[in-house]
Protein backbone atom coordinates (compact mmCIF):
# COMPACT_ATOMS: atom_id res chain seq x y z
CA MET A 1 -0.04 -0.11 0.06
CA ARG A 2 1.50 3.65 -1.17
CA TYR A 3 0.38 6.65 1.19
CA LEU A 4 1.04 10.20 1.64
CA ASN A 5 0.57 11.90 4.87
CA ALA A 6 0.94 15.86 6.21
CA GLY A 7 1.08 17.50 9.11
CA ALA A 8 2.36 19.70 11.88
CA ALA A 9 5.62 19.85 13.16
CA ILE A 10 7.17 21.36 16.26
CA GLY A 11 11.05 21.74 17.16
CA ASP A 12 13.27 23.93 19.14
CA ILE A 13 16.02 25.36 16.68
CA LYS A 14 19.29 25.88 18.17
CA GLY A 15 22.66 27.69 17.34
CA THR A 16 25.92 28.88 18.04
CA VAL A 17 27.78 31.70 16.53
CA GLY A 18 31.27 31.02 17.23
CA ALA A 19 32.20 32.39 20.53
CA ALA A 20 29.78 35.28 20.23
CA GLY A 21 26.71 34.07 21.51
CA HIS A 22 23.93 31.87 20.91
CA PHE A 23 20.55 31.32 20.36
CA SER A 24 17.30 29.04 20.76
CA ALA A 25 13.43 29.56 19.00
CA ASP A 26 10.91 26.92 19.15
CA ARG A 27 8.97 26.90 16.01
CA VAL A 28 5.65 25.13 14.62
CA GLY A 29 6.22 24.23 10.58
CA TRP A 30 4.86 21.40 8.54
CA THR A 31 5.69 18.14 7.45
CA GLY A 32 4.88 16.36 4.56
CA GLY A 33 5.93 13.24 2.69
CA VAL A 34 5.18 9.57 1.20
CA GLY A 35 5.32 5.48 2.13
CA VAL A 36 5.01 2.14 1.52
CA GLU A 37 3.97 -0.46 3.35
CA TYR A 38 3.63 -3.96 2.84
CA ALA A 39 1.98 -6.77 4.93
CA PHE A 40 3.74 -9.89 4.65
CA ILE A 41 2.40 -12.86 7.41
CA ASP A 42 -0.94 -12.16 8.93
CA ASN A 43 -0.67 -8.86 11.31
CA TRP A 44 2.68 -7.77 10.41
CA SER A 45 3.95 -5.68 7.98
CA VAL A 46 7.03 -3.85 6.69
CA LYS A 47 7.20 0.07 6.06
CA LEU A 48 9.55 2.74 4.18
CA GLU A 49 8.30 6.54 4.77
CA TYR A 50 10.10 9.68 3.61
CA LEU A 51 9.23 12.86 5.66
CA TYR A 52 10.25 16.88 4.70
CA VAL A 53 9.93 19.16 7.43
CA ASP A 54 10.31 23.13 7.57
CA LEU A 55 10.33 25.13 10.63
CA GLY A 56 10.68 28.26 9.01
CA LYS A 57 13.47 30.73 10.37
CA ALA A 58 14.97 31.58 13.56
CA THR A 59 16.55 35.33 13.73
CA CYS A 60 20.26 35.78 15.30
CA ALA A 61 19.84 39.20 16.57
CA ALA A 62 22.68 42.22 17.00
CA THR A 63 23.68 41.17 20.66
CA CYS A 64 23.75 36.86 19.35
CA SER A 65 25.87 37.45 16.48
CA GLY A 66 28.40 40.21 17.46
CA THR A 67 27.56 42.32 13.96
CA ASP A 68 24.20 42.59 11.81
CA PRO A 69 21.20 40.21 13.16
CA PHE A 70 20.46 37.29 10.34
CA SER A 71 18.01 34.62 10.04
CA VAL A 72 18.49 31.29 9.44
CA SER A 73 16.16 28.36 7.83
CA PHE A 74 15.05 25.01 9.05
CA THR A 75 14.58 22.33 7.18
CA THR A 76 14.93 18.75 7.18
CA SER A 77 14.83 15.18 5.51
CA VAL A 78 13.97 12.26 7.10
CA ALA A 79 13.58 8.69 6.28
CA ARG A 80 12.37 5.84 7.89
CA ALA A 81 12.00 2.15 8.30
CA GLY A 82 9.73 -0.41 10.10
CA VAL A 83 8.05 -3.03 11.23
CA ASN A 84 4.65 -2.97 12.55
CA TYR A 85 2.53 -5.13 14.30
CA LYS A 86 -1.43 -5.02 13.76
CA PHE A 87 -3.22 -6.28 17.08
């Protein structure tokens, strides 16, 4: 079986700017992906899944960077594999 999924993503973006400082920002973003699942014995199945996650931008202010403020975008890709047992 093939499937699509989408939903909310929540994360804490943390960064360090040399010895000048650091920043942290909680972000709510989105995730979407595709997957495939195969049932092979009775209630058992295996799956492969890919997710793309976008948590937007976090800003490092002048006090953090020691210079002009800048923004950092956070996106990532996640690949997962699993074995499921359905009760």
